[in-house]
Each structure stands twice: as C-alpha cells, then as structure tokens.
Amino acid sequence: PIDVSISFGYETKNNENQNIEEIFKSAEDNMYKKKLFEGSKMRVVAIKSIIDTLYKRNNKEEKHSHRVSQLCSSMGEILSLSSQEIEQLRSTGLLHDIGKIAINDSVLSKSGKLTDNEWKEIKRHCEIGYRILSTVNDLSDIAEYVLAHHERWDGKGYPRGLKGTEIPFVSRIISIANAYDVMTSDGSYRGLLSEKAAILELQKNAGIKFDPYLVSIFVEKVLAKKH
C-alpha cells in the first residue's frame, strides 16, 4: 500500500585534473533536481490513490463527482470559457470532495438527519481537500477552488465566510452544480427532490447561497441542454 520512490544523480570525471569533490557535488545536485521532479510526480500518484480509495469506499461519491464534473464542463462551454478553463472546471468537479477520504464512513453513508457534531465533521472536508491538493504545485489553483466550494454568496458559508465575488469564480460554479446534484440524486442524509423542485430551490437561494447570474445560466441553459 506504500509507494516508494528513489532518485539518482550522476556525473562523470573526464580527466585527472578535475576535482573529485566537485564531481560528487555535481552528482548530488543532479540527484536533487531529479528528486524535485519525481517528488511532485509521486504526490500526483498519491492523490489519485486517495480519490480511488474514496470511490471504492463509497460508490455514490464517485457517481456524484462525475456528474458534478459533467455539469461544470457544460457550464464552462455555455460561458464560452477556454478549453484550459473548462478542463480546470472539470477537474475541480472530480476532486471537489476528495477531503471526504478523512470523514468517517458512518457519517458519509448515514441515512437521515445529521447531528451537529456530524455536520461539523462533514464540513472539515473542504480544508482537508485543500491540504491534500495543495501539496502539488500544479494543483494549487484547484486546491483553492475546493476550499471555497461551500462558501455562500451572502457570506454565511464555510470555512472562511467569503462573500459575493470574494468567492473564486470556479468555486461558485462548483457550488451550484454540487447542490443541484445532491438535491436530485439518491443522497444519504438529504431528501431526494424532483428536478423542478431542485430548480426552484436554486432560484430561491440565488443571491443568498449562490451567485444569481450563474444560477440563471445554469437553469436556463445548462439544464435546458440536458433535455
């Protein structure tokens, strides 16, 4: 279950006038350069392993993440974002709940209302996900978006209480897609709503929980596109 890495560095002494200590130093420098590259690669492998483990533990989480990712991709296309921005949205959708790897299975799979303590535990997943993803430089932006995907437009979200446009644009999209999928899927601790009821809930909370402009785009264009 443990991934082990090893990095090598080498240098060649080509003539007897070269200082052997400098050759050793050059070999060591080359090893550290390699280690930096391999270290990042190993962390990416570790993150993939974490998300795979979460999906094996909870099949509903895997399906949920893929649906959220698809909704985010559609939103990016409707908003005419660049292919790179759409890919970032898609990836954030896939990884937004990676922090749930540290949440107790009994809480994740509980049917019925959560206790106050169970809600506190669930809310930790944003910060845990941020800490996992921020270990890889290439995922630092996605880490920020994951941290903020439960912030609210009115500033009453978590974990930092960001308000309005203080919330990253990608996080605002994830928030809407996530909420819609949770409401319309067979979730564990939330009641299942019809698509119509979920749309009404999004519209009711536009300007409260969600970016009102993005809600209108999501309802009028993304969901309409599905039919």
Protein backbone atom coordinates (compact mmCIF):
# COMPACT_ATOMS: atom_id res chain seq x y z
CA PRO A 1 0.00 0.00 0.00
CA ILE A 2 3.02 2.31 0.21
CA ASP A 3 4.54 3.94 -2.88
CA VAL A 4 8.32 4.22 -2.57
CA SER A 5 10.47 6.41 -4.80
CA ILE A 6 14.21 6.70 -5.27
CA SER A 7 16.13 9.38 -7.16
CA PHE A 8 19.57 9.05 -8.74
CA GLY A 9 22.09 11.64 -9.83
CA TYR A 10 25.38 11.08 -11.59
CA GLU A 11 28.33 12.94 -13.01
CA THR A 12 31.45 11.75 -14.87
CA LYS A 13 35.07 12.64 -14.20
CA ASN A 14 36.63 13.02 -17.65
CA ASN A 15 40.21 13.87 -16.75
CA GLU A 16 42.50 13.60 -13.74
CA ASN A 17 42.70 17.38 -13.26
CA GLN A 18 39.01 17.60 -12.25
CA ASN A 19 38.39 17.84 -8.50
CA ILE A 20 36.60 14.69 -7.31
CA GLU A 21 34.71 16.69 -4.66
CA GLU A 22 33.24 18.90 -7.39
CA ILE A 23 32.21 15.79 -9.33
CA PHE A 24 30.45 14.42 -6.25
CA LYS A 25 28.76 17.79 -5.66
CA SER A 26 27.56 17.92 -9.27
CA ALA A 27 26.18 14.36 -8.99
CA GLU A 28 24.36 15.31 -5.79
CA ASP A 29 22.88 18.45 -7.41
CA ASN A 30 21.62 16.34 -10.30
CA MET A 31 20.04 13.93 -7.85
CA TYR A 32 18.19 16.73 -6.06
CA LYS A 33 16.88 18.14 -9.35
CA LYS A 34 15.55 14.69 -10.17
CA LYS A 35 14.09 14.35 -6.69
CA LEU A 36 12.12 17.59 -7.07
CA PHE A 37 10.57 16.33 -10.29
CA GLU A 38 9.88 12.82 -9.02
CA GLY A 39 8.51 14.15 -5.73
CA SER A 40 5.77 16.10 -7.49
CA LYS A 41 5.00 13.10 -9.69
CA MET A 42 4.69 10.83 -6.65
CA ARG A 43 2.31 13.27 -4.96
CA VAL A 44 0.07 13.19 -8.05
CA VAL A 45 0.11 9.38 -7.85
CA ALA A 46 -0.75 9.60 -4.14
CA ILE A 47 -3.70 11.92 -4.83
CA LYS A 48 -5.01 9.52 -7.49
CA SER A 49 -4.70 6.72 -4.93
CA ILE A 50 -6.65 8.77 -2.37
CA ILE A 51 -9.52 9.52 -4.74
CA ASP A 52 -9.62 5.87 -5.89
CA THR A 53 -9.80 4.75 -2.27
CA LEU A 54 -12.67 7.16 -1.57
CA TYR A 55 -14.58 5.85 -4.61
CA LYS A 56 -14.07 2.23 -3.54
CA ARG A 57 -15.35 3.05 -0.07
CA ASN A 58 -18.36 4.96 -1.35
CA ASN A 59 -19.63 4.32 -4.87
CA LYS A 60 -22.17 7.15 -4.55
CA GLU A 61 -19.33 9.65 -4.11
CA GLU A 62 -17.76 8.52 -7.38
CA LYS A 63 -21.00 8.89 -9.33
CA HIS A 64 -21.68 12.25 -7.67
CA SER A 65 -18.22 13.61 -8.55
CA HIS A 66 -18.52 12.55 -12.19
CA ARG A 67 -21.98 14.15 -12.51
CA VAL A 68 -20.77 17.40 -10.93
CA SER A 69 -17.75 17.36 -13.24
CA GLN A 70 -20.00 16.99 -16.30
CA LEU A 71 -22.31 19.79 -15.18
CA CYS A 72 -19.29 22.04 -14.66
CA SER A 73 -17.96 21.23 -18.14
CA SER A 74 -21.35 22.14 -19.64
CA MET A 75 -21.34 25.38 -17.66
CA GLY A 76 -17.87 26.24 -18.99
CA GLU A 77 -18.97 25.61 -22.57
CA ILE A 78 -22.09 27.78 -22.18
CA LEU A 79 -19.94 30.56 -20.69
CA SER A 80 -17.53 30.27 -23.65
CA LEU A 81 -14.54 29.61 -21.40
CA SER A 82 -11.25 28.47 -22.92
CA SER A 83 -10.53 24.76 -23.25
CA GLN A 84 -7.98 25.08 -20.45
CA GLU A 85 -10.51 26.74 -18.14
CA ILE A 86 -13.12 24.09 -18.95
CA GLU A 87 -10.61 21.35 -18.18
CA GLN A 88 -9.83 23.03 -14.86
CA LEU A 89 -13.55 23.19 -14.06
CA ARG A 90 -13.96 19.52 -14.99
CA SER A 91 -11.01 18.51 -12.80
CA THR A 92 -12.23 20.56 -9.85
CA GLY A 93 -15.63 18.89 -10.17
CA LEU A 94 -13.96 15.49 -9.97
CA LEU A 95 -11.81 16.42 -6.98
CA HIS A 96 -14.11 18.73 -5.00
CA ASP A 97 -14.95 16.11 -2.37
CA ILE A 98 -11.52 14.44 -2.08
CA GLY A 99 -11.36 15.62 1.56
CA LYS A 100 -14.14 13.17 2.43
CA ILE A 101 -11.45 10.47 2.48
CA ALA A 102 -10.87 11.54 6.12
CA ILE A 103 -14.57 11.55 7.09
CA ASN A 104 -15.94 8.57 8.99
CA ASP A 105 -17.85 6.11 6.79
CA SER A 106 -20.77 6.04 9.24
CA VAL A 107 -21.25 9.79 8.67
CA LEU A 108 -20.83 9.66 4.88
CA SER A 109 -23.31 6.83 4.45
CA LYS A 110 -25.78 7.86 7.15
CA SER A 111 -29.44 7.95 6.10
CA GLY A 112 -31.45 10.59 7.88
CA LYS A 113 -30.57 13.88 9.53
CA LEU A 114 -27.02 14.51 10.74
CA THR A 115 -26.30 15.60 14.30
CA ASP A 116 -24.48 18.88 14.97
CA ASN A 117 -21.22 17.01 15.58
CA GLU A 118 -21.65 15.01 12.35
CA TRP A 119 -22.21 18.25 10.41
CA LYS A 120 -19.01 19.66 11.93
CA GLU A 121 -17.15 16.58 10.73
CA ILE A 122 -18.60 16.80 7.20
CA LYS A 123 -17.63 20.48 6.97
CA ARG A 124 -13.98 19.55 7.52
CA HIS A 125 -13.75 18.01 4.04
CA CYS A 126 -13.12 21.36 2.30
CA GLU A 127 -10.00 22.11 4.34
CA ILE A 128 -8.79 18.51 4.20
CA GLY A 129 -9.18 18.51 0.41
CA TYR A 130 -7.28 21.78 0.23
CA ARG A 131 -4.39 20.38 2.26
CA ILE A 132 -4.18 17.25 0.10
CA LEU A 133 -4.27 19.09 -3.25
CA SER A 134 -2.00 21.99 -2.25
CA THR A 135 0.94 19.57 -1.89
CA VAL A 136 1.21 19.59 -5.70
CA ASN A 137 2.19 22.90 -7.31
CA ASP A 138 0.19 22.22 -10.48
CA LEU A 139 -2.97 21.71 -8.38
CA SER A 140 -2.64 24.81 -6.19
CA ASP A 141 -5.44 26.68 -8.01
CA ILE A 142 -7.76 23.67 -7.82
CA ALA A 143 -6.93 23.40 -4.10
CA GLU A 144 -8.20 26.97 -3.59
CA TYR A 145 -11.40 26.24 -5.53
CA VAL A 146 -12.03 23.08 -3.48
CA LEU A 147 -11.51 25.01 -0.25
CA ALA A 148 -14.16 27.57 -1.24
CA HIS A 149 -16.86 25.40 -2.83
CA HIS A 150 -19.13 25.63 0.24
CA GLU A 151 -18.86 29.39 0.65
CA ARG A 152 -22.14 31.30 0.22
CA TRP A 153 -22.97 34.44 -1.75
CA ASP A 154 -24.24 36.10 1.48
CA GLY A 155 -21.03 35.30 3.37
CA LYS A 156 -22.56 32.67 5.66
CA GLY A 157 -20.76 29.69 4.15
CA TYR A 158 -17.64 27.86 5.30
CA PRO A 159 -14.76 27.61 6.02
CA ARG A 160 -13.76 31.30 5.62
CA GLY A 161 -17.07 33.12 5.30
CA LEU A 162 -16.22 34.63 1.90
CA LYS A 163 -18.93 36.80 0.32
CA GLY A 164 -20.04 37.54 -3.25
CA THR A 165 -17.21 37.90 -5.72
CA GLU A 166 -14.66 37.17 -2.98
CA ILE A 167 -15.55 33.55 -3.72
CA PRO A 168 -13.49 32.22 -6.65
CA PHE A 169 -15.48 32.03 -9.89
CA VAL A 170 -14.85 28.28 -10.29
CA SER A 171 -15.98 27.64 -6.70
CA ARG A 172 -19.25 29.46 -7.38
CA ILE A 173 -19.93 27.16 -10.33
CA ILE A 174 -19.00 24.03 -8.33
CA SER A 175 -21.33 25.16 -5.53
CA ILE A 176 -24.34 25.28 -7.87
CA ALA A 177 -23.57 22.04 -9.70
CA ASN A 178 -22.88 20.27 -6.41
CA ALA A 179 -26.09 21.49 -4.78
CA TYR A 180 -28.21 20.53 -7.78
CA ASP A 181 -26.77 17.02 -7.98
CA VAL A 182 -27.13 16.44 -4.23
CA MET A 183 -30.78 17.50 -4.36
CA THR A 184 -31.67 15.36 -7.38
CA SER A 185 -29.67 12.23 -6.56
CA ASP A 186 -30.28 9.44 -4.10
CA GLY A 187 -28.15 11.01 -1.38
CA SER A 188 -27.62 9.61 2.08
CA TYR A 189 -28.60 12.35 4.53
CA ARG A 190 -30.66 14.64 2.25
CA GLY A 191 -34.08 14.03 0.81
CA LEU A 192 -34.41 13.41 -2.92
CA LEU A 193 -36.08 16.24 -4.88
CA SER A 194 -37.55 16.32 -8.36
CA GLU A 195 -35.67 18.36 -10.95
CA LYS A 196 -38.40 21.00 -10.85
CA ALA A 197 -38.21 21.28 -7.05
CA ALA A 198 -34.40 21.46 -7.18
CA ILE A 199 -34.57 24.28 -9.75
CA LEU A 200 -36.99 26.20 -7.52
CA GLU A 201 -34.60 25.70 -4.60
CA LEU A 202 -31.68 27.07 -6.62
CA GLN A 203 -33.72 30.07 -7.75
CA LYS A 204 -34.95 30.71 -4.22
CA ASN A 205 -31.36 30.81 -2.99
CA ALA A 206 -29.94 32.87 -5.87
CA GLY A 207 -28.35 35.90 -4.24
CA ILE A 208 -28.36 34.12 -0.86
CA LYS A 209 -26.34 30.93 -1.23
CA PHE A 210 -25.46 31.17 -4.91
CA ASP A 211 -24.25 33.69 -7.50
CA PRO A 212 -27.59 34.85 -9.02
CA TYR A 213 -26.16 35.31 -12.53
CA LEU A 214 -24.63 31.83 -12.58
CA VAL A 215 -27.86 30.29 -11.27
CA SER A 216 -29.81 31.79 -14.17
CA ILE A 217 -27.25 30.47 -16.69
CA PHE A 218 -27.27 27.03 -15.06
CA VAL A 219 -31.07 26.73 -15.02
CA GLU A 220 -31.88 28.37 -18.36
CA LYS A 221 -29.05 26.92 -20.46
CA VAL A 222 -27.21 24.01 -18.81
CA LEU A 223 -30.27 22.13 -17.55
CA ALA A 224 -32.24 23.01 -20.68
CA LYS A 225 -29.40 21.48 -22.72
CA LYS A 226 -29.93 18.14 -20.95
CA HIS A 227 -33.43 17.76 -22.40
